[in-house]
Amino acid sequence: MKVVLDTNIVISAIFFGGIPKTIVRAALAKRIELVATPQVLDEYREVARRLKVAYPTISYRRALAIIESLATMVKPATLSGSICRDRDDDVIIACALGGKAKIICSGDDDLLALDGYRSLEILTPARFSATYLK
């Protein structure tokens, strides 16, 4: 099953663990297929670099490189205008549509509000885990 992980999921997995880390481990075990675009990977890197300032003891580069190596790279879909309340989240929608992913995992209310948009399932980490990683 193809899944797009929002930046908050990847960053939480690396810096904090919990359910997001379980989701990334499912990708490592090939239980899910991560889908990404260059823009999505750039956002992962940018946020990780910024968070490193607050958490200097956490080494994120290797974990992020592994996540990036797991991702199937796709061409983002062209969106007609802004879809999300937060335009920065449109890259996640474009990635999912371009990669024919049916699921976006996110903790972002702006994305979660779009659940069902063009048949996309947009789920919190807890709901995704309970539904698909049993």
Foldseek 3Di string as FASTA:
>chain_A
DEEEEALVLLLCLQPPNDLSVVVLVCLVVVLYQYAAEPLRLVVNVVVNVVCCVVVVVGDCPVVSVVSVVRYDYFDFADDDDADWPPSSCVRRVRRCVRVVNQEYEDPDPRVCVCACPVNHHYYYSVVCCVVRVD
